[in-house]
C-alpha atoms as a PDB file:
ATOM      1  CA  MET A   1       0.015   0.094   0.302  1.00  0.00           C
ATOM      2  CA  ARG A   2       2.816   2.441   0.851  1.00  0.00           C
ATOM      3  CA  GLU A   3       4.499   1.604  -2.642  1.00  0.00           C
ATOM      4  CA  ALA A   4       1.113   2.295  -3.974  1.00  0.00           C
ATOM      5  CA  GLU A   5       0.698   5.566  -2.770  1.00  0.00           C
ATOM      6  CA  ALA A   6       4.281   6.508  -3.140  1.00  0.00           C
ATOM      7  CA  ARG A   7       3.704   5.721  -7.100  1.00  0.00           C
ATOM      8  CA  LEU A   8       0.736   7.699  -7.373  1.00  0.00           C
ATOM      9  CA  ARG A   9       1.732  10.471  -5.419  1.00  0.00           C
ATOM     10  CA  THR A  10       4.998  10.708  -7.820  1.00  0.00           C
ATOM     11  CA  MET A  11       2.682  10.424 -11.162  1.00  0.00           C
ATOM     12  CA  ALA A  12       0.437  13.457  -9.610  1.00  0.00           C
ATOM     13  CA  ALA A  13       3.444  15.073  -8.809  1.00  0.00           C
ATOM     14  CA  ASN A  14       5.540  15.464 -12.034  1.00  0.00           C
ATOM     15  CA  ALA A  15       2.493  14.455 -14.647  1.00  0.00           C
ATOM     16  CA  PRO A  16       2.544  17.170 -17.299  1.00  0.00           C
ATOM     17  CA  VAL A  17      -0.807  17.990 -16.339  1.00  0.00           C
ATOM     18  CA  LEU A  18      -2.044  20.307 -13.827  1.00  0.00           C
ATOM     19  CA  ILE A  19      -3.527  18.466 -10.954  1.00  0.00           C
ATOM     20  CA  TRP A  20      -5.152  19.334  -7.684  1.00  0.00           C
ATOM     21  CA  GLN A  21      -7.522  17.997  -4.754  1.00  0.00           C
ATOM     22  CA  THR A  22      -9.914  20.429  -2.624  1.00  0.00           C
ATOM     23  CA  ASP A  23     -12.275  19.980  -0.048  1.00  0.00           C
ATOM     24  CA  GLY A  24     -14.919  21.819   0.812  1.00  0.00           C
ATOM     25  CA  GLY A  25     -13.337  24.776   1.642  1.00  0.00           C
ATOM     26  CA  GLY A  26     -11.021  24.973  -1.234  1.00  0.00           C
ATOM     27  CA  VAL A  27      -7.589  23.585  -2.450  1.00  0.00           C
ATOM     28  CA  THR A  28      -5.737  21.486  -0.381  1.00  0.00           C
ATOM     29  CA  PHE A  29      -3.197  19.938  -3.129  1.00  0.00           C
ATOM     30  CA  LEU A  30      -1.580  21.217  -6.332  1.00  0.00           C
ATOM     31  CA  ASN A  31       1.316  19.326  -8.356  1.00  0.00           C
ATOM     32  CA  ARG A  32       4.394  20.187  -9.028  1.00  0.00           C
ATOM     33  CA  HIS A  33       3.042  21.706 -12.680  1.00  0.00           C
ATOM     34  CA  TYR A  34       0.324  23.365 -11.173  1.00  0.00           C
ATOM     35  CA  LEU A  35       2.920  25.642  -8.786  1.00  0.00           C
ATOM     36  CA  LEU A  36       4.922  26.132 -11.830  1.00  0.00           C
ATOM     37  CA  PHE A  37       1.951  27.270 -13.820  1.00  0.00           C
ATOM     38  CA  PHE A  38       1.074  29.993 -10.807  1.00  0.00           C
ATOM     39  CA  GLY A  39       4.878  30.331 -10.099  1.00  0.00           C
ATOM     40  CA  LYS A  40       3.674  30.759  -6.502  1.00  0.00           C
ATOM     41  CA  PRO A  41       3.961  28.531  -3.600  1.00  0.00           C
ATOM     42  CA  VAL A  42       0.996  26.015  -2.301  1.00  0.00           C
ATOM     43  CA  GLU A  43       0.199  28.663   0.311  1.00  0.00           C
ATOM     44  CA  ALA A  44      -0.387  31.289  -2.180  1.00  0.00           C
ATOM     45  CA  VAL A  45      -3.399  29.657  -3.649  1.00  0.00           C
ATOM     46  CA  ALA A  46      -4.546  27.090  -1.016  1.00  0.00           C
ATOM     47  CA  GLY A  47      -8.111  27.526   0.113  1.00  0.00           C
ATOM     48  CA  MET A  48      -9.915  29.938  -2.321  1.00  0.00           C
ATOM     49  CA  GLY A  49      -6.743  31.372  -3.098  1.00  0.00           C
ATOM     50  CA  TRP A  50      -6.603  30.721  -6.897  1.00  0.00           C
ATOM     51  CA  ALA A  51      -9.713  32.330  -7.509  1.00  0.00           C
ATOM     52  CA  ASP A  52      -7.227  35.643  -7.492  1.00  0.00           C
ATOM     53  CA  PHE A  53      -5.627  34.411 -10.465  1.00  0.00           C
ATOM     54  CA  LEU A  54      -8.909  33.953 -12.425  1.00  0.00           C
ATOM     55  CA  HIS A  55      -9.322  36.466 -15.620  1.00  0.00           C
ATOM     56  CA  PRO A  56     -12.039  39.119 -14.306  1.00  0.00           C
ATOM     57  CA  ASP A  57     -14.328  38.312 -16.882  1.00  0.00           C
ATOM     58  CA  ASP A  58     -14.252  34.584 -16.133  1.00  0.00           C
ATOM     59  CA  ALA A  59     -14.157  35.072 -12.142  1.00  0.00           C
ATOM     60  CA  ALA A  60     -17.526  34.968 -10.894  1.00  0.00           C
ATOM     61  CA  GLY A  61     -18.870  32.221 -13.435  1.00  0.00           C
ATOM     62  CA  TYR A  62     -16.127  29.959 -12.316  1.00  0.00           C
ATOM     63  CA  VAL A  63     -16.287  30.242  -8.549  1.00  0.00           C
ATOM     64  CA  ALA A  64     -20.419  29.934  -9.064  1.00  0.00           C
ATOM     65  CA  ALA A  65     -19.669  26.804 -10.762  1.00  0.00           C
ATOM     66  CA  TYR A  66     -17.257  25.464  -8.323  1.00  0.00           C
ATOM     67  CA  ARG A  67     -19.541  26.139  -5.271  1.00  0.00           C
ATOM     68  CA  SER A  68     -22.526  24.705  -6.926  1.00  0.00           C
ATOM     69  CA  ALA A  69     -20.760  21.568  -7.780  1.00  0.00           C
ATOM     70  CA  VAL A  70     -19.638  21.663  -3.847  1.00  0.00           C
ATOM     71  CA  ALA A  71     -23.337  22.178  -2.806  1.00  0.00           C
ATOM     72  CA  GLY A  72     -24.534  19.740  -5.285  1.00  0.00           C
ATOM     73  CA  ARG A  73     -22.126  16.979  -4.525  1.00  0.00           C
ATOM     74  CA  THR A  74     -21.608  16.498  -8.343  1.00  0.00           C
ATOM     75  CA  GLY A  75     -18.547  16.590 -11.046  1.00  0.00           C
ATOM     76  CA  TYR A  76     -18.342  19.726 -12.983  1.00  0.00           C
ATOM     77  CA  GLU A  77     -16.159  20.610 -16.269  1.00  0.00           C
ATOM     78  CA  TYR A  78     -15.422  24.292 -16.801  1.00  0.00           C
ATOM     79  CA  GLN A  79     -13.296  26.306 -19.314  1.00  0.00           C
ATOM     80  CA  CYS A  80     -11.778  29.675 -18.148  1.00  0.00           C
ATOM     81  CA  ARG A  81      -9.131  31.682 -18.032  1.00  0.00           C
ATOM     82  CA  PHE A  82      -5.925  31.718 -15.312  1.00  0.00           C
ATOM     83  CA  ARG A  83      -3.271  33.863 -15.312  1.00  0.00           C
ATOM     84  CA  ARG A  84       0.395  32.204 -15.452  1.00  0.00           C
ATOM     85  CA  HIS A  85       3.395  32.876 -13.606  1.00  0.00           C
ATOM     86  CA  ASP A  86       4.401  35.700 -16.747  1.00  0.00           C
ATOM     87  CA  GLY A  87       1.130  37.330 -16.495  1.00  0.00           C
ATOM     88  CA  GLU A  88      -0.238  35.877 -19.953  1.00  0.00           C
ATOM     89  CA  TYR A  89      -3.950  34.620 -19.347  1.00  0.00           C
ATOM     90  CA  ARG A  90      -4.091  30.918 -20.654  1.00  0.00           C
ATOM     91  CA  TRP A  91      -7.332  29.151 -21.019  1.00  0.00           C
ATOM     92  CA  LEU A  92      -7.586  25.722 -18.596  1.00  0.00           C
ATOM     93  CA  GLN A  93     -10.331  23.033 -19.257  1.00  0.00           C
ATOM     94  CA  ASN A  94     -10.777  22.476 -15.535  1.00  0.00           C
ATOM     95  CA  VAL A  95     -12.586  18.623 -14.591  1.00  0.00           C
ATOM     96  CA  GLY A  96     -13.441  18.019 -11.185  1.00  0.00           C
ATOM     97  CA  THR A  97     -14.671  14.649  -9.767  1.00  0.00           C
ATOM     98  CA  PRO A  98     -16.113  14.184  -6.339  1.00  0.00           C
ATOM     99  CA  LEU A  99     -14.521  12.422  -3.426  1.00  0.00           C
ATOM    100  CA  TYR A 100     -16.219  10.198  -1.061  1.00  0.00           C
ATOM    101  CA  THR A 101     -15.674   8.167   1.971  1.00  0.00           C
ATOM    102  CA  PRO A 102     -16.411   4.313   1.901  1.00  0.00           C
ATOM    103  CA  ASP A 103     -19.453   5.596   4.250  1.00  0.00           C
ATOM    104  CA  GLY A 104     -20.817   8.138   1.415  1.00  0.00           C
ATOM    105  CA  ALA A 105     -19.280  11.063   3.025  1.00  0.00           C
ATOM    106  CA  PHE A 106     -18.466  13.721   0.669  1.00  0.00           C
ATOM    107  CA  VAL A 107     -14.810  15.111   1.164  1.00  0.00           C
ATOM    108  CA  GLY A 108     -13.808  17.261  -1.905  1.00  0.00           C
ATOM    109  CA  PHE A 109     -12.842  17.071  -5.466  1.00  0.00           C
ATOM    110  CA  VAL A 110      -9.912  15.649  -7.373  1.00  0.00           C
ATOM    111  CA  GLY A 111      -9.207  17.071 -10.673  1.00  0.00           C
ATOM    112  CA  CYS A 112      -6.887  18.125 -13.446  1.00  0.00           C
ATOM    113  CA  SER A 113      -6.877  20.972 -15.641  1.00  0.00           C
ATOM    114  CA  LEU A 114      -5.410  20.969 -19.193  1.00  0.00           C
ATOM    115  CA  ASP A 115      -4.322  24.091 -21.007  1.00  0.00           C
ATOM    116  CA  VAL A 116      -6.199  24.350 -24.168  1.00  0.00           C
ATOM    117  CA  THR A 117      -5.248  28.210 -25.556  1.00  0.00           C
ATOM    118  CA  ASP A 118      -3.655  26.714 -28.271  1.00  0.00           C
ATOM    119  CA  SER A 119      -6.272  24.327 -29.328  1.00  0.00           C
ATOM    120  CA  ARG A 120      -8.764  27.171 -28.908  1.00  0.00           C
ATOM    121  CA  ARG A 121      -6.515  29.497 -31.169  1.00  0.00           C
ATOM    122  CA  ALA A 122      -6.391  26.651 -33.960  1.00  0.00           C
ATOM    123  CA  ALA A 123     -10.444  26.579 -33.719  1.00  0.00           C
ATOM    124  CA  GLU A 124     -10.625  30.201 -33.853  1.00  0.00           C
ATOM    125  CA  ALA A 125      -7.972  30.213 -36.773  1.00  0.00           C
ATOM    126  CA  LEU A 126     -10.030  27.633 -38.963  1.00  0.00           C
ATOM    127  CA  ALA A 127     -13.358  29.584 -38.162  1.00  0.00           C
ATOM    128  CA  GLU A 128     -11.697  33.088 -39.283  1.00  0.00           C
ATOM    129  CA  ALA A 129     -10.604  31.085 -42.114  1.00  0.00           C
ATOM    130  CA  ASP A 130     -14.030  29.258 -42.986  1.00  0.00           C
ATOM    131  CA  ARG A 131     -15.999  33.080 -42.434  1.00  0.00           C
ATOM    132  CA  LYS A 132     -13.115  34.207 -44.931  1.00  0.00           C
ATOM    133  CA  LYS A 133     -13.645  31.479 -47.634  1.00  0.00           C
ATOM    134  CA  ASP A 134     -17.351  31.873 -47.463  1.00  0.00           C
ATOM    135  CA  GLU A 135     -16.962  35.848 -47.372  1.00  0.00           C
ATOM    136  CA  PHE A 136     -14.985  35.317 -50.663  1.00  0.00           C
ATOM    137  CA  LEU A 137     -17.483  32.961 -52.127  1.00  0.00           C
ATOM    138  CA  ALA A 138     -20.147  35.699 -51.444  1.00  0.00           C
ATOM    139  CA  VAL A 139     -17.891  38.609 -53.158  1.00  0.00           C
ATOM    140  CA  LEU A 140     -17.362  36.301 -55.882  1.00  0.00           C
ATOM    141  CA  ALA A 141     -21.604  35.862 -56.448  1.00  0.00           C
ATOM    142  CA  HIS A 142     -22.038  39.142 -55.853  1.00  0.00           C
ATOM    143  CA  GLU A 143     -19.605  40.575 -58.358  1.00  0.00           C
ATOM    144  CA  LEU A 144     -19.791  37.970 -61.325  1.00  0.00           C
ATOM    145  CA  ARG A 145     -23.689  38.165 -61.279  1.00  0.00           C
ATOM    146  CA  ASN A 146     -24.036  41.731 -62.465  1.00  0.00           C
ATOM    147  CA  PRO A 147     -22.494  41.014 -65.911  1.00  0.00           C
ATOM    148  CA  LEU A 148     -24.164  37.863 -66.706  1.00  0.00           C
ATOM    149  CA  ALA A 149     -27.225  39.638 -67.053  1.00  0.00           C
ATOM    150  CA  PRO A 150     -26.685  41.566 -70.316  1.00  0.00           C
ATOM    151  CA  LEU A 151     -24.723  38.604 -71.800  1.00  0.00           C
ATOM    152  CA  ARG A 152     -27.807  36.590 -71.415  1.00  0.00           C
ATOM    153  CA  ASN A 153     -29.629  39.847 -72.853  1.00  0.00           C
ATOM    154  CA  GLY A 154     -27.063  40.329 -75.714  1.00  0.00           C
ATOM    155  CA  LEU A 155     -27.621  36.396 -76.809  1.00  0.00           C
ATOM    156  CA  GLN A 156     -31.307  37.039 -76.746  1.00  0.00           C
ATOM    157  CA  LEU A 157     -30.686  39.985 -78.581  1.00  0.00           C
ATOM    158  CA  MET A 158     -28.746  38.262 -81.286  1.00  0.00           C
ATOM    159  CA  LYS A 159     -31.451  35.739 -82.143  1.00  0.00           C
ATOM    160  CA  LEU A 160     -34.271  38.060 -82.186  1.00  0.00           C
ATOM    161  CA  ALA A 161     -32.323  40.181 -84.533  1.00  0.00           C
ATOM    162  CA  GLY A 162     -31.881  37.887 -87.329  1.00  0.00           C
ATOM    163  CA  ASP A 163     -30.401  39.162 -90.580  1.00  0.00           C
ATOM    164  CA  ASP A 164     -29.843  42.811 -88.760  1.00  0.00           C
ATOM    165  CA  PRO A 165     -26.408  43.236 -88.730  1.00  0.00           C
ATOM    166  CA  ALA A 166     -26.497  46.711 -87.047  1.00  0.00           C
ATOM    167  CA  ALA A 167     -28.580  45.089 -84.295  1.00  0.00           C
ATOM    168  CA  VAL A 168     -26.065  42.138 -84.296  1.00  0.00           C
ATOM    169  CA  GLY A 169     -23.329  44.205 -84.298  1.00  0.00           C
ATOM    170  CA  GLN A 170     -24.902  46.552 -81.041  1.00  0.00           C
ATOM    171  CA  ALA A 171     -25.385  43.339 -79.240  1.00  0.00           C
ATOM    172  CA  ARG A 172     -21.934  42.069 -79.886  1.00  0.00           C
ATOM    173  CA  SER A 173     -20.506  45.155 -78.729  1.00  0.00           C
ATOM    174  CA  MET A 174     -22.300  45.413 -75.667  1.00  0.00           C
ATOM    175  CA  MET A 175     -21.362  41.773 -74.946  1.00  0.00           C
ATOM    176  CA  GLU A 176     -17.393  42.462 -75.404  1.00  0.00           C
ATOM    177  CA  ARG A 177     -17.616  44.974 -73.142  1.00  0.00           C
ATOM    178  CA  GLN A 178     -19.434  42.893 -70.493  1.00  0.00           C
ATOM    179  CA  LEU A 179     -17.233  40.037 -71.088  1.00  0.00           C
ATOM    180  CA  ASN A 180     -14.141  42.295 -70.597  1.00  0.00           C
ATOM    181  CA  GLN A 181     -15.687  43.585 -67.609  1.00  0.00           C
ATOM    182  CA  MET A 182     -16.040  40.244 -66.154  1.00  0.00           C
ATOM    183  CA  VAL A 183     -12.457  38.981 -67.168  1.00  0.00           C
ATOM    184  CA  ARG A 184     -11.283  41.952 -65.065  1.00  0.00           C
ATOM    185  CA  LEU A 185     -13.413  41.213 -62.006  1.00  0.00           C
ATOM    186  CA  ILE A 186     -12.171  37.523 -62.233  1.00  0.00           C
ATOM    187  CA  ASP A 187      -8.401  38.437 -62.497  1.00  0.00           C
ATOM    188  CA  ASP A 188      -8.994  40.771 -59.259  1.00  0.00           C
ATOM    189  CA  LEU A 189     -11.279  38.157 -57.208  1.00  0.00           C
ATOM    190  CA  MET A 190      -8.668  35.176 -57.816  1.00  0.00           C
ATOM    191  CA  ASP A 191      -5.839  37.391 -55.796  1.00  0.00           C
ATOM    192  CA  ARG A 192      -7.703  36.375 -52.646  1.00  0.00           C
ATOM    193  CA  THR A 193      -5.083  38.257 -50.430  1.00  0.00           C
ATOM    194  CA  ARG A 194      -6.210  41.466 -51.423  1.00  0.00           C
ATOM    195  CA  ILE A 195      -9.835  40.724 -50.916  1.00  0.00           C
ATOM    196  CA  SER A 196      -9.225  39.303 -47.254  1.00  0.00           C
ATOM    197  CA  ARG A 197      -7.068  42.896 -46.442  1.00  0.00           C
ATOM    198  CA  GLY A 198      -9.651  44.891 -48.145  1.00  0.00           C
ATOM    199  CA  LYS A 199      -7.195  46.120 -50.681  1.00  0.00           C
ATOM    200  CA  ILE A 200      -8.429  46.245 -54.314  1.00  0.00           C
ATOM    201  CA  THR A 201      -5.879  47.558 -56.950  1.00  0.00           C
ATOM    202  CA  LEU A 202      -7.298  50.572 -59.090  1.00  0.00           C
ATOM    203  CA  ARG A 203      -6.009  50.703 -62.970  1.00  0.00           C
ATOM    204  CA  LYS A 204      -6.673  54.154 -63.347  1.00  0.00           C
ATOM    205  CA  ALA A 205      -6.440  56.072 -66.606  1.00  0.00           C
ATOM    206  CA  ARG A 206      -8.021  58.915 -68.500  1.00  0.00           C
ATOM    207  CA  MET A 207     -11.510  57.877 -69.571  1.00  0.00           C
ATOM    208  CA  PRO A 208     -14.924  59.643 -70.679  1.00  0.00           C
ATOM    209  CA  LEU A 209     -17.319  59.120 -67.827  1.00  0.00           C
ATOM    210  CA  ALA A 210     -20.163  58.369 -70.051  1.00  0.00           C
ATOM    211  CA  ALA A 211     -18.269  55.153 -70.619  1.00  0.00           C
ATOM    212  CA  ALA A 212     -19.038  53.676 -67.198  1.00  0.00           C
ATOM    213  CA  VAL A 213     -22.438  55.037 -67.168  1.00  0.00           C
ATOM    214  CA  ARG A 214     -23.161  53.407 -70.422  1.00  0.00           C
ATOM    215  CA  ASN A 215     -21.756  49.959 -68.827  1.00  0.00           C
ATOM    216  CA  ALA A 216     -23.399  50.300 -65.380  1.00  0.00           C
ATOM    217  CA  VAL A 217     -26.653  50.862 -67.395  1.00  0.00           C
ATOM    218  CA  GLU A 218     -25.855  47.883 -69.716  1.00  0.00           C
ATOM    219  CA  THR A 219     -25.436  45.518 -66.488  1.00  0.00           C
ATOM    220  CA  SER A 220     -28.627  46.880 -64.499  1.00  0.00           C
ATOM    221  CA  ARG A 221     -31.053  47.362 -67.164  1.00  0.00           C
ATOM    222  CA  THR A 222     -32.400  43.796 -66.617  1.00  0.00           C
ATOM    223  CA  LEU A 223     -33.256  44.445 -63.186  1.00  0.00           C
ATOM    224  CA  VAL A 224     -34.589  48.083 -63.483  1.00  0.00           C
ATOM    225  CA  GLU A 225     -36.697  46.808 -66.448  1.00  0.00           C
ATOM    226  CA  ALA A 226     -38.154  43.737 -64.757  1.00  0.00           C
ATOM    227  CA  ALA A 227     -39.271  45.867 -62.000  1.00  0.00           C
ATOM    228  CA  GLY A 228     -41.291  48.343 -64.273  1.00  0.00           C
ATOM    229  CA  HIS A 229     -39.247  51.530 -63.413  1.00  0.00           C
ATOM    230  CA  ALA A 230     -38.512  54.311 -65.448  1.00  0.00           C
ATOM    231  CA  LEU A 231     -34.787  55.151 -65.997  1.00  0.00           C
ATOM    232  CA  THR A 232     -33.708  58.826 -66.429  1.00  0.00           C
ATOM    233  CA  LEU A 233     -30.297  59.646 -67.609  1.00  0.00           C
ATOM    234  CA  ASP A 234     -29.103  63.018 -67.455  1.00  0.00           C
ATOM    235  CA  VAL A 235     -25.580  63.028 -68.975  1.00  0.00           C
ATOM    236  CA  PRO A 236     -24.017  66.288 -70.805  1.00  0.00           C
ATOM    237  CA  GLU A 237     -23.421  65.917 -74.238  1.00  0.00           C
ATOM    238  CA  ALA A 238     -19.846  67.594 -74.028  1.00  0.00           C
ATOM    239  CA  PRO A 239     -17.558  64.610 -72.775  1.00  0.00           C
ATOM    240  CA  ILE A 240     -16.769  64.954 -68.957  1.00  0.00           C
ATOM    241  CA  HIS A 241     -13.232  63.039 -68.636  1.00  0.00           C
ATOM    242  CA  VAL A 242     -12.110  61.330 -65.618  1.00  0.00           C
ATOM    243  CA  ASP A 243      -8.747  59.677 -63.943  1.00  0.00           C
ATOM    244  CA  ALA A 244     -10.228  56.857 -62.915  1.00  0.00           C
ATOM    245  CA  ASP A 245     -10.470  52.827 -63.299  1.00  0.00           C
ATOM    246  CA  GLU A 246     -13.430  52.276 -65.503  1.00  0.00           C
ATOM    247  CA  ALA A 247     -14.163  48.568 -64.617  1.00  0.00           C
ATOM    248  CA  ARG A 248     -14.793  49.981 -61.117  1.00  0.00           C
ATOM    249  CA  LEU A 249     -16.450  53.042 -61.381  1.00  0.00           C
ATOM    250  CA  SER A 250     -18.851  50.901 -63.749  1.00  0.00           C
ATOM    251  CA  GLN A 251     -19.248  48.745 -60.653  1.00  0.00           C
ATOM    252  CA  VAL A 252     -19.820  51.283 -58.112  1.00  0.00           C
ATOM    253  CA  PHE A 253     -22.611  52.879 -60.568  1.00  0.00           C
ATOM    254  CA  ALA A 254     -24.214  49.497 -61.467  1.00  0.00           C
ATOM    255  CA  ASN A 255     -24.434  48.630 -57.781  1.00  0.00           C
ATOM    256  CA  LEU A 256     -26.343  51.663 -57.096  1.00  0.00           C
ATOM    257  CA  LEU A 257     -28.670  51.253 -59.929  1.00  0.00           C
ATOM    258  CA  ASN A 258     -29.424  47.937 -58.783  1.00  0.00           C
ATOM    259  CA  ASN A 259     -29.978  48.803 -55.038  1.00  0.00           C
ATOM    260  CA  ALA A 260     -32.206  51.432 -56.542  1.00  0.00           C
ATOM    261  CA  ALA A 261     -34.157  48.900 -58.496  1.00  0.00           C
ATOM    262  CA  LYS A 262     -34.300  46.460 -55.605  1.00  0.00           C
ATOM    263  CA  TYR A 263     -35.719  48.820 -52.927  1.00  0.00           C
ATOM    264  CA  THR A 264     -38.109  50.913 -55.084  1.00  0.00           C
ATOM    265  CA  ASP A 265     -41.653  49.630 -55.445  1.00  0.00           C
ATOM    266  CA  ARG A 266     -42.749  48.483 -59.114  1.00  0.00           C
ATOM    267  CA  GLY A 267     -43.071  51.433 -61.269  1.00  0.00           C
ATOM    268  CA  GLY A 268     -40.688  53.647 -59.483  1.00  0.00           C
ATOM    269  CA  ARG A 269     -38.666  56.317 -60.706  1.00  0.00           C
ATOM    270  CA  ILE A 270     -34.650  56.345 -60.708  1.00  0.00           C
ATOM    271  CA  ARG A 271     -32.293  59.017 -62.165  1.00  0.00           C
ATOM    272  CA  LEU A 272     -28.669  58.982 -62.909  1.00  0.00           C
ATOM    273  CA  ALA A 273     -27.126  62.525 -63.639  1.00  0.00           C
ATOM    274  CA  ALA A 274     -23.243  63.449 -64.138  1.00  0.00           C
ATOM    275  CA  GLU A 275     -22.377  66.832 -64.468  1.00  0.00           C
ATOM    276  CA  ARG A 276     -18.987  68.866 -63.497  1.00  0.00           C
ATOM    277  CA  ARG A 277     -18.248  71.000 -60.643  1.00  0.00           C
ATOM    278  CA  GLY A 278     -15.147  72.776 -61.067  1.00  0.00           C
ATOM    279  CA  GLY A 279     -12.485  70.485 -60.911  1.00  0.00           C
ATOM    280  CA  GLU A 280     -14.567  67.341 -60.036  1.00  0.00           C
ATOM    281  CA  ALA A 281     -16.986  64.883 -61.754  1.00  0.00           C
ATOM    282  CA  VAL A 282     -20.090  64.361 -59.717  1.00  0.00           C
ATOM    283  CA  VAL A 283     -22.839  61.563 -60.356  1.00  0.00           C
ATOM    284  CA  THR A 284     -26.081  61.100 -58.439  1.00  0.00           C
ATOM    285  CA  VAL A 285     -28.688  58.007 -58.479  1.00  0.00           C
ATOM    286  CA  GLU A 286     -31.657  59.090 -57.046  1.00  0.00           C
ATOM    287  CA  ASP A 287     -34.946  56.810 -56.649  1.00  0.00           C
ATOM    288  CA  ASN A 288     -38.489  57.296 -54.979  1.00  0.00           C
ATOM    289  CA  GLY A 289     -37.659  53.998 -52.775  1.00  0.00           C
ATOM    290  CA  VAL A 290     -37.528  53.055 -49.121  1.00  0.00           C
ATOM    291  CA  GLY A 291     -34.393  54.903 -48.728  1.00  0.00           C
ATOM    292  CA  ILE A 292     -31.817  54.100 -45.841  1.00  0.00           C
ATOM    293  CA  PRO A 293     -32.726  54.646 -42.377  1.00  0.00           C
ATOM    294  CA  ALA A 294     -30.426  57.330 -40.730  1.00  0.00           C
ATOM    295  CA  PRO A 295     -28.518  54.827 -38.090  1.00  0.00           C
ATOM    296  CA  MET A 296     -27.520  52.391 -41.133  1.00  0.00           C
ATOM    297  CA  LEU A 297     -25.436  55.238 -43.163  1.00  0.00           C
ATOM    298  CA  PRO A 298     -22.500  54.699 -41.363  1.00  0.00           C
ATOM    299  CA  ARG A 299     -22.670  51.107 -42.487  1.00  0.00           C
ATOM    300  CA  VAL A 300     -23.525  51.177 -45.719  1.00  0.00           C
ATOM    301  CA  PHE A 301     -19.664  50.639 -47.156  1.00  0.00           C
ATOM    302  CA  ASP A 302     -19.729  47.555 -44.979  1.00  0.00           C
ATOM    303  CA  LEU A 303     -19.559  44.222 -46.461  1.00  0.00           C
ATOM    304  CA  PHE A 304     -22.820  42.907 -47.729  1.00  0.00           C
ATOM    305  CA  THR A 305     -24.949  45.669 -45.567  1.00  0.00           C
END
């Protein structure tokens, strides 16, 4: 019996896991690894002294769970943060098993605590990677959906045009513009690093503002017409040239037109206007739809808001 007890004490004292024992009032034994974790002598954590090392956000919950287990004479598991000797808070998975005398009297708990900080961080990293994957797929679907509609319409127009070379040529030109737009978007989307960091490279060049407006209208026309809206364009005949990324500018205008179409009751009015104000070009999209509540305005540029 002495040999068995000595063997068990040696195992408990030196096992690479934090082992402890309590009576009804608090800690009565900590193994060597637990004392190394705290960096304190056993007197500093005996009784309820260990509660001083709990993270402020976890202290009340864990102490309540421990006292509830004492009152109920039941085992428990609880995950919380303890302050290590270097000041870092580490997540510990605490498992307590009730101890009884041969006649059934409760005498406390024996338990162990496992440092699960690294596994929690790994799980959080996986969850974040999964979130970014879903976000990327949502961006992909959102950005590629817009150019597909005019491409489909172009095919339909070419079928209806028959032998009319002018109509076929017009449809083909529109489809080429939208296809180039889609290729550009796909090239950007394939660089997931920039997407995850929120950094999109702009390819600026001198361009007529009307070109971006035309591409946007082509992209959004199906949605606008399907809802029976009246779309008015107010673009000056004199060309306004800007230093901009045509693909991205077209995307901005198309998204504004799409939102106007989606959030305006059927048969609504949408107006897109462009004008020169000093050294700037100003584009306005207006509709008579539901609008945006004031509390939401600070969030309108959040992803998918």
